[in-house]
């Protein structure tokens, strides 16, 4: 076994972390180039399992490999002894035939999720945020290839899981479901990623658990991973399954070869472990959203069954979006407006239309513009929309990386 020369211990209210041979900067600038760092993370509440992470830049020595093998043997023996113990919690993890825990009601699950800051978009009267009739594909202009891929990969698998499973049983020597466990939505803000997730949940008849960034970024040691783990646990208790939507996943799942904070490393471990541990008969899908896929950890990217890119809308899509918010404009005026909104997202176009309406309303109130022939308030002309688009453009970030690609699909 490798004998640790240095160690540190951090004790929190929710977890304890012990680090043997903590990583240190060397003369060459590399991290931990000659020592094996062993990080032991032991939850004090919730889970019965401890995590052991081995960190080493470069190859392992023979003694270090012996240490790894010894650790795996000890862990395996502990699992066998624990699972044989009567009433041990580990025995409840062996499949549905051994499930004996009490499953809380839908109201209790929703209440617990809301208490953590998770927004639950539901499908019936038990839901905390009912989905109205506007959450349909027809109200999301453009992005037809993305909609089709979402239906084929996610929606139909949630609606008719038995069809997908029957195919897998007929094609594989050992059954393993082909239904997606995790999907990545990539694209700049305002391009329909969250709206698409809500449509999926609405049409599949399952709740959407929207997990904003602030829910999982706690200042207390061990609290972030406990909260995220609780979200996954409650989702697994949903009677008909659900969708977990992780927004801004790049904020806490960056590549581990970068300067990653230890709390971020543990959060990433929770996500990887939960996705890998999904039971095959449960209808739970993780949808993660990002506008910086290149920053994500490769291990997480490899877990996504499909990666769907929501690029900035092309001209035809911008025309369709504008027609939803400025239906009084003629076809030629919509074309003119689409040219003025190049490099804008769907949300930008909506905001431009709203701003044009406000400006025009203020002019009517001040008597700066006339009413229509019937004495009713007139509607904003195309010049008002173009003017607001020019103002909006001044505040837009650089989006050249998205304009070079059309709204297309990328499969993992």
Protein backbone atom coordinates (compact mmCIF):
# COMPACT_ATOMS: atom_id res chain seq x y z
CA UNK A 1 0.00 0.00 0.00
CA UNK A 2 1.06 3.59 -0.58
CA UNK A 3 1.79 5.37 2.67
CA UNK A 4 0.50 8.94 2.69
CA UNK A 5 3.08 11.51 3.70
CA UNK A 6 0.58 14.36 3.95
CA UNK A 7 -3.13 14.45 4.71
CA UNK A 8 -5.94 16.90 5.36
CA UNK A 9 -9.46 16.52 6.71
CA UNK A 10 -12.44 18.82 6.22
CA UNK A 11 -15.52 18.19 8.36
CA UNK A 12 -18.90 19.69 7.50
CA UNK A 13 -22.45 19.20 8.71
CA UNK A 14 -23.33 17.02 5.71
CA UNK A 15 -20.09 15.30 4.74
CA UNK A 16 -16.48 14.61 5.65
CA UNK A 17 -13.59 14.74 3.20
CA UNK A 18 -10.17 13.23 3.80
CA UNK A 19 -7.34 13.90 1.34
CA UNK A 20 -4.16 11.81 1.39
CA UNK A 21 -1.23 13.38 -0.45
CA UNK A 22 -3.11 16.53 -1.50
CA UNK A 23 -2.18 17.75 -5.01
CA UNK A 24 0.59 20.33 -4.95
CA UNK A 25 2.42 22.46 -7.49
CA UNK A 26 5.85 21.18 -8.44
CA UNK A 27 8.88 22.91 -9.83
CA UNK A 28 7.74 22.12 -13.36
CA UNK A 29 4.30 23.58 -12.76
CA UNK A 30 2.52 20.22 -13.07
CA UNK A 31 0.09 19.06 -10.43
CA UNK A 32 1.04 16.08 -8.28
CA UNK A 33 3.46 14.66 -10.82
CA UNK A 34 5.06 12.13 -8.46
CA UNK A 35 2.45 11.26 -5.82
CA UNK A 36 -0.89 9.49 -5.85
CA UNK A 37 -3.61 11.65 -4.32
CA UNK A 38 -6.43 9.72 -2.64
CA UNK A 39 -9.59 11.69 -1.91
CA UNK A 40 -12.18 10.06 0.37
CA UNK A 41 -15.60 11.70 0.47
CA UNK A 42 -17.93 10.32 3.14
CA UNK A 43 -21.52 11.63 3.39
CA UNK A 44 -22.74 12.01 6.98
CA UNK A 45 -26.40 12.09 5.98
CA UNK A 46 -28.42 10.55 3.17
CA UNK A 47 -26.25 8.02 1.32
CA UNK A 48 -24.54 5.00 2.87
CA UNK A 49 -21.78 5.01 0.28
CA UNK A 50 -18.40 6.69 0.47
CA UNK A 51 -16.54 7.89 -2.60
CA UNK A 52 -12.84 7.24 -3.15
CA UNK A 53 -11.16 9.15 -5.96
CA UNK A 54 -7.59 8.47 -7.11
CA UNK A 55 -5.87 11.43 -8.77
CA UNK A 56 -2.57 11.10 -10.60
CA UNK A 57 -1.06 12.95 -13.54
CA UNK A 58 0.90 10.48 -15.62
CA UNK A 59 1.22 6.69 -15.25
CA UNK A 60 0.72 4.63 -12.09
CA UNK A 61 3.62 2.86 -10.41
CA UNK A 62 3.36 -0.83 -9.44
CA UNK A 63 2.84 0.08 -5.77
CA UNK A 64 0.10 2.54 -6.69
CA UNK A 65 -1.64 -0.11 -8.78
CA UNK A 66 -1.46 -2.48 -5.82
CA UNK A 67 -3.11 0.19 -3.69
CA UNK A 68 -5.91 0.58 -6.22
CA UNK A 69 -6.54 -3.17 -6.34
CA UNK A 70 -6.52 -3.42 -2.55
CA UNK A 71 -9.04 -0.59 -2.26
CA UNK A 72 -11.35 -2.27 -4.78
CA UNK A 73 -11.12 -5.59 -2.92
CA UNK A 74 -11.98 -3.96 0.40
CA UNK A 75 -14.90 -2.10 -1.17
CA UNK A 76 -16.19 -5.30 -2.79
CA UNK A 77 -16.03 -7.27 0.46
CA UNK A 78 -17.88 -4.48 2.27
CA UNK A 79 -20.66 -4.45 -0.32
CA UNK A 80 -21.11 -8.24 -0.06
CA UNK A 81 -21.26 -8.15 3.74
CA UNK A 82 -23.55 -5.11 3.73
CA UNK A 83 -26.00 -6.56 1.22
CA UNK A 84 -26.30 -9.78 3.23
CA UNK A 85 -27.18 -7.91 6.40
CA UNK A 86 -30.84 -8.04 7.36
CA UNK A 87 -32.53 -4.70 6.92
CA UNK A 88 -29.44 -3.04 5.50
CA UNK A 89 -30.22 -0.14 3.18
CA UNK A 90 -27.93 -1.55 0.51
CA UNK A 91 -30.24 -4.53 0.11
CA UNK A 92 -32.95 -2.18 -1.08
CA UNK A 93 -30.83 -1.18 -4.08
CA UNK A 94 -30.86 -4.62 -5.68
CA UNK A 95 -33.85 -4.07 -7.94
CA UNK A 96 -37.58 -3.61 -7.93
CA UNK A 97 -38.27 -7.04 -6.41
CA UNK A 98 -36.58 -5.89 -3.21
CA UNK A 99 -38.01 -2.39 -3.09
CA UNK A 100 -39.77 -1.95 0.22
CA UNK A 101 -39.36 1.73 0.94
CA UNK A 102 -42.45 3.89 1.18
CA UNK A 103 -42.94 5.96 -1.96
CA UNK A 104 -44.21 9.45 -1.08
CA UNK A 105 -47.26 10.95 -2.72
CA UNK A 106 -47.03 13.28 -5.70
CA UNK A 107 -47.97 16.23 -3.48
CA UNK A 108 -45.18 15.38 -1.03
CA UNK A 109 -42.61 15.00 -3.82
CA UNK A 110 -43.58 18.36 -5.36
CA UNK A 111 -43.52 20.02 -1.94
CA UNK A 112 -40.03 18.69 -1.18
CA UNK A 113 -38.72 19.78 -4.57
CA UNK A 114 -40.16 23.28 -4.23
CA UNK A 115 -38.61 23.59 -0.78
CA UNK A 116 -35.20 23.10 -2.44
CA UNK A 117 -35.91 25.78 -5.06
CA UNK A 118 -36.74 23.40 -7.92
CA UNK A 119 -39.52 24.60 -10.22
CA UNK A 120 -41.94 21.80 -11.04
CA UNK A 121 -43.85 22.21 -14.30
CA UNK A 122 -46.59 19.60 -14.18
CA UNK A 123 -49.40 18.17 -16.20
CA UNK A 124 -52.45 18.03 -13.89
CA UNK A 125 -54.05 19.62 -10.84
CA UNK A 126 -51.41 18.18 -8.51
CA UNK A 127 -48.67 20.16 -10.22
CA UNK A 128 -47.21 23.31 -8.75
CA UNK A 129 -46.90 25.09 -12.11
CA UNK A 130 -49.58 23.88 -14.56
CA UNK A 131 -48.67 23.88 -18.23
CA UNK A 132 -51.03 25.97 -20.32
CA UNK A 133 -52.09 25.39 -23.89
CA UNK A 134 -49.31 27.57 -25.30
CA UNK A 135 -46.70 24.91 -24.54
CA UNK A 136 -46.90 23.21 -27.94
CA UNK A 137 -44.55 22.76 -30.87
CA UNK A 138 -46.66 25.02 -33.08
CA UNK A 139 -45.81 27.99 -30.87
CA UNK A 140 -42.07 27.36 -31.25
CA UNK A 141 -41.23 28.73 -34.68
CA UNK A 142 -38.68 26.93 -36.82
CA UNK A 143 -36.17 24.31 -35.63
CA UNK A 144 -38.01 21.48 -37.38
CA UNK A 145 -34.98 19.08 -37.42
CA UNK A 146 -34.55 19.59 -33.66
CA UNK A 147 -38.24 18.94 -33.00
CA UNK A 148 -38.13 15.71 -35.00
CA UNK A 149 -35.00 14.47 -33.24
CA UNK A 150 -36.54 15.30 -29.85
CA UNK A 151 -39.69 13.37 -30.73
CA UNK A 152 -37.77 10.35 -32.03
CA UNK A 153 -35.21 10.25 -29.23
CA UNK A 154 -37.06 11.44 -26.12
CA UNK A 155 -40.78 12.04 -26.50
CA UNK A 156 -41.83 8.77 -28.13
CA UNK A 157 -39.57 6.82 -25.76
CA UNK A 158 -41.43 8.37 -22.81
CA UNK A 159 -44.85 7.78 -24.36
CA UNK A 160 -44.29 4.21 -25.60
CA UNK A 161 -41.28 2.75 -23.74
CA UNK A 162 -42.39 -0.83 -24.37
CA UNK A 163 -41.81 -0.48 -28.14
CA UNK A 164 -38.20 0.59 -27.61
CA UNK A 165 -37.64 -2.18 -25.05
CA UNK A 166 -39.13 -4.86 -27.32
CA UNK A 167 -36.70 -3.88 -30.07
CA UNK A 168 -33.76 -4.01 -27.63
CA UNK A 169 -34.80 -7.48 -26.41
CA UNK A 170 -34.94 -8.71 -29.98
CA UNK A 171 -31.58 -7.29 -31.04
CA UNK A 172 -29.32 -7.74 -28.00
CA UNK A 173 -27.86 -10.84 -26.41
CA UNK A 174 -28.20 -9.19 -23.01
CA UNK A 175 -31.12 -6.82 -22.57
CA UNK A 176 -30.22 -3.20 -22.01
CA UNK A 177 -32.73 -0.47 -22.70
CA UNK A 178 -32.06 1.80 -25.67
CA UNK A 179 -34.17 4.60 -24.23
CA UNK A 180 -32.19 7.79 -23.54
CA UNK A 181 -31.02 8.57 -20.04
CA UNK A 182 -29.47 11.96 -20.77
CA UNK A 183 -29.62 14.48 -23.62
CA UNK A 184 -27.67 17.72 -24.06
CA UNK A 185 -29.26 20.86 -25.52
CA UNK A 186 -26.52 23.16 -26.81
CA UNK A 187 -27.02 26.73 -27.96
CA UNK A 188 -26.98 30.41 -26.99
CA UNK A 189 -29.61 31.77 -24.58
CA UNK A 190 -33.08 32.39 -25.95
CA UNK A 191 -33.09 29.74 -28.69
CA UNK A 192 -35.82 27.48 -27.28
CA UNK A 193 -33.94 24.95 -25.13
CA UNK A 194 -36.09 25.34 -22.02
CA UNK A 195 -39.30 25.71 -24.03
CA UNK A 196 -38.54 22.47 -25.87
CA UNK A 197 -38.08 20.65 -22.56
CA UNK A 198 -41.46 21.93 -21.39
CA UNK A 199 -43.13 20.73 -24.58
CA UNK A 200 -41.62 17.27 -24.08
CA UNK A 201 -42.95 17.08 -20.52
CA UNK A 202 -46.37 18.37 -21.56
CA UNK A 203 -46.81 15.89 -24.40
CA UNK A 204 -45.35 12.94 -22.47
CA UNK A 205 -47.56 13.70 -19.47
CA UNK A 206 -44.73 13.82 -16.94
CA UNK A 207 -43.46 16.61 -14.66
CA UNK A 208 -40.52 18.78 -15.66
CA UNK A 209 -38.14 19.47 -12.78
CA UNK A 210 -36.35 22.70 -13.66
CA UNK A 211 -33.16 22.90 -11.59
CA UNK A 212 -31.70 26.44 -11.74
CA UNK A 213 -28.04 27.04 -11.03
CA UNK A 214 -28.62 28.61 -7.61
CA UNK A 215 -30.27 25.42 -6.32
CA UNK A 216 -27.09 23.35 -6.52
CA UNK A 217 -24.49 26.01 -5.73
CA UNK A 218 -24.65 26.12 -1.94
CA UNK A 219 -22.07 27.87 0.20
CA UNK A 220 -22.20 25.11 2.83
CA UNK A 221 -19.77 22.20 2.62
CA UNK A 222 -21.39 19.07 1.22
CA UNK A 223 -24.78 20.74 0.78
CA UNK A 224 -24.64 21.19 -3.00
CA UNK A 225 -24.14 17.52 -3.79
CA UNK A 226 -26.73 16.53 -1.17
CA UNK A 227 -29.33 18.80 -2.78
CA UNK A 228 -28.58 17.57 -6.28
CA UNK A 229 -28.69 13.96 -5.12
CA UNK A 230 -32.07 14.61 -3.48
CA UNK A 231 -33.47 15.97 -6.75
CA UNK A 232 -32.52 12.75 -8.55
CA UNK A 233 -33.86 10.62 -5.71
CA UNK A 234 -37.24 12.38 -5.71
CA UNK A 235 -37.44 12.18 -9.50
CA UNK A 236 -37.03 8.40 -9.27
CA UNK A 237 -40.02 8.32 -6.90
CA UNK A 238 -42.34 9.98 -9.43
CA UNK A 239 -44.97 7.37 -10.34
CA UNK A 240 -44.86 8.01 -14.10
CA UNK A 241 -41.31 9.31 -14.39
CA UNK A 242 -40.18 12.82 -15.16
CA UNK A 243 -37.64 15.09 -16.82
CA UNK A 244 -34.80 16.69 -14.87
CA UNK A 245 -33.71 19.90 -16.60
CA UNK A 246 -30.25 21.11 -15.53
CA UNK A 247 -29.78 24.65 -16.76
CA UNK A 248 -26.31 26.15 -17.21
CA UNK A 249 -24.72 22.76 -16.59
CA UNK A 250 -21.35 24.15 -17.73
CA UNK A 251 -21.22 26.14 -14.48
CA UNK A 252 -20.74 23.02 -12.35
CA UNK A 253 -19.63 20.26 -14.74
CA UNK A 254 -16.48 21.68 -16.30
CA UNK A 255 -13.58 19.53 -17.45
CA UNK A 256 -11.63 18.00 -14.59
CA UNK A 257 -8.27 18.83 -16.14
CA UNK A 258 -9.01 22.53 -15.61
CA UNK A 259 -8.67 24.42 -12.34
CA UNK A 260 -11.74 22.79 -10.78
CA UNK A 261 -12.90 23.59 -7.26
CA UNK A 262 -13.29 20.50 -5.07
CA UNK A 263 -17.01 21.17 -4.55
CA UNK A 264 -17.48 21.30 -8.32
CA UNK A 265 -15.65 17.99 -8.66
CA UNK A 266 -18.07 16.37 -6.20
CA UNK A 267 -21.10 17.82 -8.01
CA UNK A 268 -19.86 16.34 -11.27
CA UNK A 269 -19.41 12.98 -9.56
CA UNK A 270 -23.03 13.10 -8.38
CA UNK A 271 -24.30 13.76 -11.91
CA UNK A 272 -22.21 10.97 -13.44
CA UNK A 273 -23.19 8.48 -10.76
CA UNK A 274 -26.89 9.31 -10.95
CA UNK A 275 -27.05 9.04 -14.76
CA UNK A 276 -25.24 5.71 -14.67
CA UNK A 277 -27.51 4.46 -11.88
CA UNK A 278 -30.87 5.09 -13.54
CA UNK A 279 -33.02 1.96 -13.39
CA UNK A 280 -34.04 0.61 -16.76
CA UNK A 281 -37.75 0.51 -15.97
CA UNK A 282 -37.97 4.11 -14.77
CA UNK A 283 -39.03 6.91 -17.10
CA UNK A 284 -36.58 9.55 -15.94
CA UNK A 285 -34.58 11.57 -18.47
CA UNK A 286 -31.95 14.22 -17.77
CA UNK A 287 -31.85 17.18 -20.15
CA UNK A 288 -28.88 19.47 -19.63
CA UNK A 289 -28.55 22.87 -21.28
CA UNK A 290 -25.33 24.71 -22.08
CA UNK A 291 -23.92 27.36 -24.36
CA UNK A 292 -20.32 26.21 -23.73
CA UNK A 293 -20.17 22.52 -24.57
CA UNK A 294 -16.41 22.72 -25.09
CA UNK A 295 -16.01 23.43 -21.34
CA UNK A 296 -17.88 20.31 -20.20
CA UNK A 297 -16.05 17.34 -18.75
CA UNK A 298 -15.50 14.63 -21.41
CA UNK A 299 -16.86 11.97 -19.04
CA UNK A 300 -20.17 13.85 -18.85
CA UNK A 301 -20.34 14.43 -22.61
CA UNK A 302 -19.90 10.69 -23.15
CA UNK A 303 -23.00 10.05 -20.99
CA UNK A 304 -25.31 11.97 -23.34
CA UNK A 305 -27.21 9.73 -25.73
CA UNK A 306 -27.85 12.67 -28.05
CA UNK A 307 -26.57 16.23 -28.41
CA UNK A 308 -29.01 18.62 -30.06
CA UNK A 309 -27.76 22.02 -31.19
CA UNK A 310 -30.07 25.03 -31.08
CA UNK A 311 -28.19 27.58 -33.17
CA UNK A 312 -29.33 31.12 -33.86
CA UNK A 313 -32.42 31.17 -36.12
CA UNK A 314 -31.89 31.49 -39.86
CA UNK A 315 -33.80 34.09 -41.90
CA UNK A 316 -36.87 31.92 -42.52
CA UNK A 317 -37.11 31.08 -38.82
CA UNK A 318 -36.76 34.77 -37.90
CA UNK A 319 -39.65 35.55 -40.26
CA UNK A 320 -41.80 32.88 -38.58
CA UNK A 321 -40.93 34.17 -35.11
CA UNK A 322 -41.67 37.78 -36.08
CA UNK A 323 -45.03 36.73 -37.56
CA UNK A 324 -46.07 35.42 -34.13
CA UNK A 325 -45.48 38.80 -32.48
CA UNK A 326 -46.22 41.20 -35.36
CA UNK A 327 -48.97 39.52 -37.35
CA UNK A 328 -50.14 42.83 -38.87
CA UNK A 329 -46.92 43.25 -40.86
CA UNK A 330 -46.97 42.29 -44.53
CA UNK A 331 -44.74 39.54 -45.97
CA UNK A 332 -42.33 42.07 -47.42
CA UNK A 333 -42.19 43.91 -44.08
CA UNK A 334 -41.49 40.66 -42.24
CA UNK A 335 -38.59 40.02 -44.62
CA UNK A 336 -37.28 43.52 -43.90
CA UNK A 337 -37.60 42.89 -40.16
CA UNK A 338 -35.78 39.55 -40.46
CA UNK A 339 -32.80 41.30 -42.04
CA UNK A 340 -32.70 43.77 -39.16
CA UNK A 341 -32.67 40.95 -36.58
CA UNK A 342 -29.81 38.89 -37.98
CA UNK A 343 -27.69 37.23 -35.23
CA UNK A 344 -30.59 37.58 -32.77
CA UNK A 345 -32.19 34.72 -30.86
CA UNK A 346 -35.90 34.04 -30.74
CA UNK A 347 -36.08 35.69 -27.33
CA UNK A 348 -34.30 38.77 -28.70
CA UNK A 349 -36.85 39.05 -31.52
CA UNK A 350 -39.73 38.73 -29.07
CA UNK A 351 -38.22 41.43 -26.85
CA UNK A 352 -37.72 43.74 -29.85
CA UNK A 353 -41.39 43.35 -30.77
CA UNK A 354 -42.47 44.09 -27.21
CA UNK A 355 -40.27 47.17 -27.07
CA UNK A 356 -41.71 48.43 -30.38
CA UNK A 357 -45.22 48.04 -28.95
CA UNK A 358 -44.28 50.00 -25.81
CA UNK A 359 -42.67 52.81 -27.77
CA UNK A 360 -45.68 53.07 -30.06
CA UNK A 361 -48.10 53.04 -27.11
CA UNK A 362 -46.25 55.93 -25.47
CA UNK A 363 -46.42 57.91 -28.72
CA UNK A 364 -50.17 57.32 -28.95
CA UNK A 365 -50.70 58.44 -25.36
CA UNK A 366 -48.68 61.61 -25.93
CA UNK A 367 -50.52 62.32 -29.18
CA UNK A 368 -47.33 62.12 -31.22
CA UNK A 369 -48.88 59.70 -33.77
CA UNK A 370 -52.45 59.54 -35.14
CA UNK A 371 -55.03 56.83 -34.51
CA UNK A 372 -56.36 54.68 -37.34
CA UNK A 373 -59.31 55.51 -39.62
CA UNK A 374 -61.82 54.12 -37.10
CA UNK A 375 -60.41 56.18 -34.26
CA UNK A 376 -58.80 53.13 -32.70
CA UNK A 377 -55.15 52.97 -31.60
CA UNK A 378 -52.98 52.35 -34.65
CA UNK A 379 -50.42 49.53 -34.73
CA UNK A 380 -46.64 49.96 -34.85
CA UNK A 381 -45.28 50.30 -38.41
CA UNK A 382 -42.25 48.42 -39.70
CA UNK A 383 -40.00 51.43 -39.10
CA UNK A 384 -40.69 51.18 -35.36
CA UNK A 385 -39.65 47.54 -35.29
CA UNK A 386 -36.48 48.17 -37.30
CA UNK A 387 -35.54 51.07 -35.03
CA UNK A 388 -35.94 48.94 -31.90
CA UNK A 389 -33.93 46.14 -33.53
CA UNK A 390 -31.03 48.53 -34.14
CA UNK A 391 -31.10 49.60 -30.49
CA UNK A 392 -31.19 46.00 -29.32
CA UNK A 393 -28.23 45.07 -31.49
CA UNK A 394 -25.98 47.51 -29.60
CA UNK A 395 -26.32 45.44 -26.41
CA UNK A 396 -25.86 42.00 -27.97
CA UNK A 397 -22.78 39.91 -27.09
CA UNK A 398 -20.50 38.51 -29.78
CA UNK A 399 -22.26 35.55 -31.37
CA UNK A 400 -20.10 34.87 -34.41
CA UNK A 401 -19.47 31.31 -33.21
CA UNK A 402 -23.18 30.57 -33.60
CA UNK A 403 -23.88 32.40 -36.86
CA UNK A 404 -21.58 30.11 -38.83
CA UNK A 405 -23.80 27.12 -38.14
CA UNK A 406 -27.42 26.67 -39.05
CA UNK A 407 -29.88 25.19 -36.54
CA UNK A 408 -28.84 21.57 -37.00
CA UNK A 409 -28.45 18.34 -35.11
CA UNK A 410 -25.34 16.81 -33.64
CA UNK A 411 -25.59 13.25 -32.40
CA UNK A 412 -23.42 12.02 -29.57
